[in-house]
PDB file of N, CA and C in Angstrom:
ATOM      1  N   MET A   1       0.845  -1.187  -0.013  1.00  0.00           N
ATOM      2  CA  MET A   1       0.034   0.008   0.021  1.00  0.00           C
ATOM      3  C   MET A   1       0.886   1.208   0.043  1.00  0.00           C
ATOM      4  N   THR A   2       1.034   1.830  -1.144  1.00  0.00           N
ATOM      5  CA  THR A   2       1.835   3.145  -1.180  1.00  0.00           C
ATOM      6  C   THR A   2       0.846   4.223  -1.461  1.00  0.00           C
ATOM      7  N   TYR A   3       1.246   5.332  -0.892  1.00  0.00           N
ATOM      8  CA  TYR A   3       0.356   6.542  -1.084  1.00  0.00           C
ATOM      9  C   TYR A   3       0.964   7.420  -2.129  1.00  0.00           C
ATOM     10  N   GLN A   4       0.055   8.131  -2.781  1.00  0.00           N
ATOM     11  CA  GLN A   4       0.581   9.081  -3.877  1.00  0.00           C
ATOM     12  C   GLN A   4       0.851  10.384  -3.233  1.00  0.00           C
ATOM     13  N   ILE A   5       1.963  11.020  -3.653  1.00  0.00           N
ATOM     14  CA  ILE A   5       2.385  12.301  -2.987  1.00  0.00           C
ATOM     15  C   ILE A   5       2.235  13.393  -3.958  1.00  0.00           C
ATOM     16  N   LYS A   6       1.556  14.490  -3.374  1.00  0.00           N
ATOM     17  CA  LYS A   6       1.297  15.753  -4.233  1.00  0.00           C
ATOM     18  C   LYS A   6       1.997  16.792  -3.416  1.00  0.00           C
ATOM     19  N   VAL A   7       2.779  17.574  -4.136  1.00  0.00           N
ATOM     20  CA  VAL A   7       3.539  18.641  -3.543  1.00  0.00           C
ATOM     21  C   VAL A   7       3.046  19.991  -4.094  1.00  0.00           C
ATOM     22  N   ALA A   8       2.624  20.908  -3.230  1.00  0.00           N
ATOM     23  CA  ALA A   8       2.074  22.160  -3.546  1.00  0.00           C
ATOM     24  C   ALA A   8       3.162  22.994  -4.124  1.00  0.00           C
ATOM     25  N   GLU A   9       2.827  23.909  -5.052  1.00  0.00           N
ATOM     26  CA  GLU A   9       3.766  24.736  -5.771  1.00  0.00           C
ATOM     27  C   GLU A   9       4.664  25.504  -4.744  1.00  0.00           C
ATOM     28  N   THR A  10       4.034  26.103  -3.797  1.00  0.00           N
ATOM     29  CA  THR A  10       4.821  26.854  -2.724  1.00  0.00           C
ATOM     30  C   THR A  10       5.839  25.982  -2.123  1.00  0.00           C
ATOM     31  N   ALA A  11       5.482  24.722  -1.785  1.00  0.00           N
ATOM     32  CA  ALA A  11       6.412  23.782  -1.175  1.00  0.00           C
ATOM     33  C   ALA A  11       7.583  23.473  -2.135  1.00  0.00           C
ATOM     34  N   LYS A  12       7.317  23.322  -3.437  1.00  0.00           N
ATOM     35  CA  LYS A  12       8.300  23.072  -4.451  1.00  0.00           C
ATOM     36  C   LYS A  12       9.269  24.241  -4.469  1.00  0.00           C
ATOM     37  N   ARG A  13       8.746  25.448  -4.384  1.00  0.00           N
ATOM     38  CA  ARG A  13       9.658  26.621  -4.340  1.00  0.00           C
ATOM     39  C   ARG A  13      10.468  26.649  -3.065  1.00  0.00           C
ATOM     40  N   GLU A  14       9.919  26.393  -1.973  1.00  0.00           N
ATOM     41  CA  GLU A  14      10.699  26.207  -0.724  1.00  0.00           C
ATOM     42  C   GLU A  14      11.699  25.255  -0.772  1.00  0.00           C
ATOM     43  N   LEU A  15      11.417  24.166  -1.418  1.00  0.00           N
ATOM     44  CA  LEU A  15      12.484  23.003  -1.476  1.00  0.00           C
ATOM     45  C   LEU A  15      13.676  23.476  -2.377  1.00  0.00           C
ATOM     46  N   ARG A  16      13.372  24.174  -3.469  1.00  0.00           N
ATOM     47  CA  ARG A  16      14.456  24.639  -4.343  1.00  0.00           C
ATOM     48  C   ARG A  16      15.320  25.660  -3.656  1.00  0.00           C
ATOM     49  N   ARG A  17      14.807  26.396  -2.663  1.00  0.00           N
ATOM     50  CA  ARG A  17      15.666  27.438  -1.963  1.00  0.00           C
ATOM     51  C   ARG A  17      16.543  26.759  -0.836  1.00  0.00           C
ATOM     52  N   LEU A  18      16.376  25.545  -0.612  1.00  0.00           N
ATOM     53  CA  LEU A  18      17.129  24.945   0.522  1.00  0.00           C
ATOM     54  C   LEU A  18      18.596  24.708   0.035  1.00  0.00           C
ATOM     55  N   PRO A  19      19.499  24.616   0.937  1.00  0.00           N
ATOM     56  CA  PRO A  19      20.889  24.137   0.555  1.00  0.00           C
ATOM     57  C   PRO A  19      20.874  22.725  -0.046  1.00  0.00           C
ATOM     58  N   THR A  20      21.743  22.450  -0.940  1.00  0.00           N
ATOM     59  CA  THR A  20      21.718  21.257  -1.695  1.00  0.00           C
ATOM     60  C   THR A  20      21.620  19.973  -0.799  1.00  0.00           C
ATOM     61  N   GLU A  21      22.408  19.918   0.336  1.00  0.00           N
ATOM     62  CA  GLU A  21      22.338  18.755   1.154  1.00  0.00           C
ATOM     63  C   GLU A  21      20.969  18.560   1.814  1.00  0.00           C
ATOM     64  N   ALA A  22      20.432  19.678   2.243  1.00  0.00           N
ATOM     65  CA  ALA A  22      19.102  19.661   2.867  1.00  0.00           C
ATOM     66  C   ALA A  22      18.059  19.270   1.831  1.00  0.00           C
ATOM     67  N   GLN A  23      18.170  19.743   0.660  1.00  0.00           N
ATOM     68  CA  GLN A  23      17.226  19.263  -0.506  1.00  0.00           C
ATOM     69  C   GLN A  23      17.304  17.795  -0.555  1.00  0.00           C
ATOM     70  N   ARG A  24      18.401  17.196  -0.570  1.00  0.00           N
ATOM     71  CA  ARG A  24      18.618  15.742  -0.780  1.00  0.00           C
ATOM     72  C   ARG A  24      17.920  15.012   0.299  1.00  0.00           C
ATOM     73  N   ARG A  25      18.144  15.462   1.623  1.00  0.00           N
ATOM     74  CA  ARG A  25      17.520  14.742   2.787  1.00  0.00           C
ATOM     75  C   ARG A  25      15.946  14.963   2.878  1.00  0.00           C
ATOM     76  N   VAL A  26      15.467  16.221   2.459  1.00  0.00           N
ATOM     77  CA  VAL A  26      14.123  16.374   2.486  1.00  0.00           C
ATOM     78  C   VAL A  26      13.397  15.533   1.389  1.00  0.00           C
ATOM     79  N   ARG A  27      14.017  15.477   0.153  1.00  0.00           N
ATOM     80  CA  ARG A  27      13.409  14.631  -0.917  1.00  0.00           C
ATOM     81  C   ARG A  27      13.329  13.184  -0.507  1.00  0.00           C
ATOM     82  N   SER A  28      14.449  12.769   0.229  1.00  0.00           N
ATOM     83  CA  SER A  28      14.454  11.366   0.630  1.00  0.00           C
ATOM     84  C   SER A  28      13.363  11.107   1.728  1.00  0.00           C
ATOM     85  N   ALA A  29      13.193  12.031   2.611  1.00  0.00           N
ATOM     86  CA  ALA A  29      12.140  11.895   3.605  1.00  0.00           C
ATOM     87  C   ALA A  29      10.761  11.926   2.888  1.00  0.00           C
ATOM     88  N   ILE A  30      10.489  12.778   2.021  1.00  0.00           N
ATOM     89  CA  ILE A  30       9.202  12.913   1.340  1.00  0.00           C
ATOM     90  C   ILE A  30       8.899  11.559   0.573  1.00  0.00           C
ATOM     91  N   GLY A  31       9.919  11.074  -0.031  1.00  0.00           N
ATOM     92  CA  GLY A  31       9.775   9.850  -0.836  1.00  0.00           C
ATOM     93  C   GLY A  31       9.402   8.635   0.147  1.00  0.00           C
ATOM     94  N   SER A  32       9.996   8.614   1.309  1.00  0.00           N
ATOM     95  CA  SER A  32       9.696   7.521   2.290  1.00  0.00           C
ATOM     96  C   SER A  32       8.270   7.655   2.809  1.00  0.00           C
ATOM     97  N   LEU A  33       7.729   8.807   2.772  1.00  0.00           N
ATOM     98  CA  LEU A  33       6.281   9.012   3.252  1.00  0.00           C
ATOM     99  C   LEU A  33       5.302   8.099   2.372  1.00  0.00           C
ATOM    100  N   ALA A  34       5.604   7.933   1.160  1.00  0.00           N
ATOM    101  CA  ALA A  34       4.720   7.048   0.271  1.00  0.00           C
ATOM    102  C   ALA A  34       4.552   5.658   0.855  1.00  0.00           C
ATOM    103  N   ALA A  35       5.531   5.073   1.530  1.00  0.00           N
ATOM    104  CA  ALA A  35       5.353   3.784   2.091  1.00  0.00           C
ATOM    105  C   ALA A  35       4.863   3.878   3.579  1.00  0.00           C
ATOM    106  N   GLU A  36       5.351   4.874   4.262  1.00  0.00           N
ATOM    107  CA  GLU A  36       4.931   5.028   5.708  1.00  0.00           C
ATOM    108  C   GLU A  36       4.532   6.396   5.954  1.00  0.00           C
ATOM    109  N   PRO A  37       3.196   6.849   5.831  1.00  0.00           N
ATOM    110  CA  PRO A  37       2.726   8.188   5.903  1.00  0.00           C
ATOM    111  C   PRO A  37       2.929   8.797   7.393  1.00  0.00           C
ATOM    112  N   ARG A  38       3.045   7.904   8.391  1.00  0.00           N
ATOM    113  CA  ARG A  38       3.166   8.294   9.781  1.00  0.00           C
ATOM    114  C   ARG A  38       4.360   7.725  10.366  1.00  0.00           C
ATOM    115  N   PRO A  39       5.589   8.190   9.948  1.00  0.00           N
ATOM    116  CA  PRO A  39       6.836   7.567  10.403  1.00  0.00           C
ATOM    117  C   PRO A  39       6.985   7.961  11.867  1.00  0.00           C
ATOM    118  N   GLY A  40       7.995   7.398  12.584  1.00  0.00           N
ATOM    119  CA  GLY A  40       8.342   7.568  13.973  1.00  0.00           C
ATOM    120  C   GLY A  40       8.613   9.052  14.207  1.00  0.00           C
ATOM    121  N   GLY A  41       9.162   9.783  13.358  1.00  0.00           N
ATOM    122  CA  GLY A  41       9.623  11.128  13.647  1.00  0.00           C
ATOM    123  C   GLY A  41       8.460  12.234  13.344  1.00  0.00           C
ATOM    124  N   SER A  42       7.345  11.688  12.894  1.00  0.00           N
ATOM    125  CA  SER A  42       6.244  12.639  12.539  1.00  0.00           C
ATOM    126  C   SER A  42       5.356  12.951  13.691  1.00  0.00           C
ATOM    127  N   LYS A  43       4.780  14.117  13.803  1.00  0.00           N
ATOM    128  CA  LYS A  43       3.939  14.583  14.752  1.00  0.00           C
ATOM    129  C   LYS A  43       2.609  15.188  14.288  1.00  0.00           C
ATOM    130  N   LYS A  44       1.442  14.884  14.761  1.00  0.00           N
ATOM    131  CA  LYS A  44       0.221  15.522  14.342  1.00  0.00           C
ATOM    132  C   LYS A  44       0.220  16.822  15.181  1.00  0.00           C
ATOM    133  N   LEU A  45       0.011  17.901  14.416  1.00  0.00           N
ATOM    134  CA  LEU A  45      -0.013  19.199  15.040  1.00  0.00           C
ATOM    135  C   LEU A  45      -1.324  19.432  15.838  1.00  0.00           C
ATOM    136  N   LYS A  46      -1.180  20.098  16.973  1.00  0.00           N
ATOM    137  CA  LYS A  46      -2.321  20.364  17.850  1.00  0.00           C
ATOM    138  C   LYS A  46      -3.012  21.641  17.353  1.00  0.00           C
ATOM    139  N   GLY A  47      -4.251  21.722  17.476  1.00  0.00           N
ATOM    140  CA  GLY A  47      -4.995  22.930  17.041  1.00  0.00           C
ATOM    141  C   GLY A  47      -5.199  23.128  15.582  1.00  0.00           C
ATOM    142  N   VAL A  48      -4.643  22.238  14.731  1.00  0.00           N
ATOM    143  CA  VAL A  48      -4.705  22.332  13.290  1.00  0.00           C
ATOM    144  C   VAL A  48      -5.279  20.927  12.837  1.00  0.00           C
ATOM    145  N   THR A  49      -6.277  21.020  12.106  1.00  0.00           N
ATOM    146  CA  THR A  49      -6.969  19.806  11.515  1.00  0.00           C
ATOM    147  C   THR A  49      -6.086  18.996  10.609  1.00  0.00           C
ATOM    148  N   ASP A  50      -5.781  17.787  10.955  1.00  0.00           N
ATOM    149  CA  ASP A  50      -5.135  16.822  10.103  1.00  0.00           C
ATOM    150  C   ASP A  50      -3.844  17.280   9.360  1.00  0.00           C
ATOM    151  N   VAL A  51      -2.969  18.034  10.105  1.00  0.00           N
ATOM    152  CA  VAL A  51      -1.752  18.519   9.535  1.00  0.00           C
ATOM    153  C   VAL A  51      -0.632  17.730  10.438  1.00  0.00           C
ATOM    154  N   TYR A  52       0.305  17.171   9.699  1.00  0.00           N
ATOM    155  CA  TYR A  52       1.457  16.532  10.339  1.00  0.00           C
ATOM    156  C   TYR A  52       2.766  17.305  10.096  1.00  0.00           C
ATOM    157  N   SER A  53       3.727  17.086  10.890  1.00  0.00           N
ATOM    158  CA  SER A  53       5.050  17.775  10.789  1.00  0.00           C
ATOM    159  C   SER A  53       6.047  16.498  10.826  1.00  0.00           C
ATOM    160  N   LEU A  54       6.938  16.509   9.772  1.00  0.00           N
ATOM    161  CA  LEU A  54       8.044  15.604   9.744  1.00  0.00           C
ATOM    162  C   LEU A  54       9.401  16.362   9.922  1.00  0.00           C
ATOM    163  N   ARG A  55      10.153  15.905  10.933  1.00  0.00           N
ATOM    164  CA  ARG A  55      11.447  16.591  11.167  1.00  0.00           C
ATOM    165  C   ARG A  55      12.501  16.070  10.240  1.00  0.00           C
ATOM    166  N   VAL A  56      13.181  16.878   9.593  1.00  0.00           N
ATOM    167  CA  VAL A  56      14.286  16.640   8.679  1.00  0.00           C
ATOM    168  C   VAL A  56      15.402  17.523   9.002  1.00  0.00           C
ATOM    169  N   GLY A  57      16.160  17.197  10.066  1.00  0.00           N
ATOM    170  CA  GLY A  57      17.307  18.104  10.475  1.00  0.00           C
ATOM    171  C   GLY A  57      16.678  19.377  10.990  1.00  0.00           C
ATOM    172  N   ALA A  58      17.200  20.581  10.530  1.00  0.00           N
ATOM    173  CA  ALA A  58      16.583  21.908  11.008  1.00  0.00           C
ATOM    174  C   ALA A  58      15.326  22.238  10.202  1.00  0.00           C
ATOM    175  N   TYR A  59      14.863  21.420   9.368  1.00  0.00           N
ATOM    176  CA  TYR A  59      13.685  21.764   8.468  1.00  0.00           C
ATOM    177  C   TYR A  59      12.453  20.837   8.835  1.00  0.00           C
ATOM    178  N   ARG A  60      11.323  21.398   8.574  1.00  0.00           N
ATOM    179  CA  ARG A  60      10.104  20.713   8.925  1.00  0.00           C
ATOM    180  C   ARG A  60       9.243  20.581   7.539  1.00  0.00           C
ATOM    181  N   VAL A  61       8.703  19.369   7.298  1.00  0.00           N
ATOM    182  CA  VAL A  61       7.851  19.123   6.122  1.00  0.00           C
ATOM    183  C   VAL A  61       6.445  19.003   6.763  1.00  0.00           C
ATOM    184  N   LEU A  62       5.652  19.950   6.314  1.00  0.00           N
ATOM    185  CA  LEU A  62       4.235  20.009   6.805  1.00  0.00           C
ATOM    186  C   LEU A  62       3.207  19.406   5.807  1.00  0.00           C
ATOM    187  N   TYR A  63       2.544  18.369   6.185  1.00  0.00           N
ATOM    188  CA  TYR A  63       1.725  17.672   5.240  1.00  0.00           C
ATOM    189  C   TYR A  63       0.384  17.100   5.825  1.00  0.00           C
ATOM    190  N   GLY A  64      -0.477  16.732   4.951  1.00  0.00           N
ATOM    191  CA  GLY A  64      -1.717  16.129   5.302  1.00  0.00           C
ATOM    192  C   GLY A  64      -1.860  14.836   4.636  1.00  0.00           C
ATOM    193  N   ILE A  65      -2.658  13.937   5.296  1.00  0.00           N
ATOM    194  CA  ILE A  65      -2.902  12.530   4.848  1.00  0.00           C
ATOM    195  C   ILE A  65      -4.327  12.293   4.585  1.00  0.00           C
ATOM    196  N   ASP A  66      -4.632  11.868   3.404  1.00  0.00           N
ATOM    197  CA  ASP A  66      -5.981  11.438   3.063  1.00  0.00           C
ATOM    198  C   ASP A  66      -6.050   9.947   2.873  1.00  0.00           C
ATOM    199  N   ASP A  67      -6.344   9.110   3.892  1.00  0.00           N
ATOM    200  CA  ASP A  67      -6.213   7.714   3.840  1.00  0.00           C
ATOM    201  C   ASP A  67      -7.249   7.065   2.901  1.00  0.00           C
ATOM    202  N   SER A  68      -8.427   7.772   2.751  1.00  0.00           N
ATOM    203  CA  SER A  68      -9.405   7.119   1.834  1.00  0.00           C
ATOM    204  C   SER A  68      -8.912   7.232   0.341  1.00  0.00           C
ATOM    205  N   LYS A  69      -8.259   8.220   0.011  1.00  0.00           N
ATOM    206  CA  LYS A  69      -7.733   8.306  -1.438  1.00  0.00           C
ATOM    207  C   LYS A  69      -6.209   7.832  -1.491  1.00  0.00           C
ATOM    208  N   GLN A  70      -5.623   7.505  -0.380  1.00  0.00           N
ATOM    209  CA  GLN A  70      -4.222   7.084  -0.209  1.00  0.00           C
ATOM    210  C   GLN A  70      -3.355   8.165  -0.920  1.00  0.00           C
ATOM    211  N   CYS A  71      -3.534   9.397  -0.437  1.00  0.00           N
ATOM    212  CA  CYS A  71      -2.839  10.544  -0.887  1.00  0.00           C
ATOM    213  C   CYS A  71      -2.198  11.379   0.191  1.00  0.00           C
ATOM    214  N   ILE A  72      -0.975  11.821   0.001  1.00  0.00           N
ATOM    215  CA  ILE A  72      -0.359  12.781   0.952  1.00  0.00           C
ATOM    216  C   ILE A  72      -0.110  14.040   0.233  1.00  0.00           C
ATOM    217  N   SER A  73      -0.414  15.122   0.903  1.00  0.00           N
ATOM    218  CA  SER A  73      -0.321  16.464   0.272  1.00  0.00           C
ATOM    219  C   SER A  73       0.720  17.262   1.079  1.00  0.00           C
ATOM    220  N   ILE A  74       1.806  17.555   0.493  1.00  0.00           N
ATOM    221  CA  ILE A  74       2.901  18.382   1.167  1.00  0.00           C
ATOM    222  C   ILE A  74       2.498  19.861   0.941  1.00  0.00           C
ATOM    223  N   TYR A  75       2.375  20.500   2.082  1.00  0.00           N
ATOM    224  CA  TYR A  75       1.900  21.924   2.175  1.00  0.00           C
ATOM    225  C   TYR A  75       3.090  22.839   2.166  1.00  0.00           C
ATOM    226  N   ALA A  76       4.107  22.536   2.973  1.00  0.00           N
ATOM    227  CA  ALA A  76       5.170  23.461   3.203  1.00  0.00           C
ATOM    228  C   ALA A  76       6.489  22.710   3.609  1.00  0.00           C
ATOM    229  N   ILE A  77       7.607  23.337   3.313  1.00  0.00           N
ATOM    230  CA  ILE A  77       8.959  22.860   3.742  1.00  0.00           C
ATOM    231  C   ILE A  77       9.678  24.078   4.236  1.00  0.00           C
ATOM    232  N   LYS A  78       9.847  24.242   5.570  1.00  0.00           N
ATOM    233  CA  LYS A  78      10.366  25.363   6.163  1.00  0.00           C
ATOM    234  C   LYS A  78      11.373  25.086   7.203  1.00  0.00           C
ATOM    235  N   HIS A  79      12.213  26.069   7.519  1.00  0.00           N
ATOM    236  CA  HIS A  79      13.156  25.978   8.619  1.00  0.00           C
ATOM    237  C   HIS A  79      12.353  25.948   9.895  1.00  0.00           C
ATOM    238  N   ARG A  80      12.866  25.214  10.886  1.00  0.00           N
ATOM    239  CA  ARG A  80      11.968  25.002  12.122  1.00  0.00           C
ATOM    240  C   ARG A  80      11.603  26.249  12.782  1.00  0.00           C
ATOM    241  N   ARG A  81      12.316  27.345  12.731  1.00  0.00           N
ATOM    242  CA  ARG A  81      11.924  28.618  13.431  1.00  0.00           C
ATOM    243  C   ARG A  81      10.709  29.303  12.664  1.00  0.00           C
ATOM    244  N   GLU A  82      10.497  28.972  11.413  1.00  0.00           N
ATOM    245  CA  GLU A  82       9.432  29.525  10.578  1.00  0.00           C
ATOM    246  C   GLU A  82       8.275  28.593  10.476  1.00  0.00           C
ATOM    247  N   ALA A  83       8.423  27.319  10.629  1.00  0.00           N
ATOM    248  CA  ALA A  83       7.438  26.304  10.290  1.00  0.00           C
ATOM    249  C   ALA A  83       6.128  26.454  10.908  1.00  0.00           C
ATOM    250  N   TYR A  84       6.064  26.880  12.117  1.00  0.00           N
ATOM    251  CA  TYR A  84       4.765  26.876  12.877  1.00  0.00           C
ATOM    252  C   TYR A  84       4.118  28.214  12.903  1.00  0.00           C
ATOM    253  N   LYS A  85       4.640  29.197  12.254  1.00  0.00           N
ATOM    254  CA  LYS A  85       3.994  30.497  12.297  1.00  0.00           C
ATOM    255  C   LYS A  85       2.864  30.502  11.308  1.00  0.00           C
ATOM    256  N   ARG A  86       1.772  31.166  11.746  1.00  0.00           N
ATOM    257  CA  ARG A  86       0.473  31.313  10.830  1.00  0.00           C
ATOM    258  C   ARG A  86      -0.095  30.011  10.445  1.00  0.00           C
ATOM    259  N   LEU A  87      -0.216  29.095  11.407  1.00  0.00           N
ATOM    260  CA  LEU A  87      -0.998  27.879  10.965  1.00  0.00           C
ATOM    261  C   LEU A  87      -2.296  27.893  11.615  1.00  0.00           C
TER     262      LEU A  87
END
């Protein structure tokens, strides 16, 4: 059971702005979400409906899971000090 991954345009832009090594690690982490949408390092955010955060070094991948459609939507990829503002 693998999930389809959809990445928002803003998240693609944020990914391109990361340092090369961070881009590699974040892409790898996003790819692994297809097999395991709720890995050990992910957390469901409180106060926000169905948004999860995956820690990748100093960066956070914010995403949602639709189990009925087996789809993961990547909303944002941000540095940890910026990730939780305006949610």
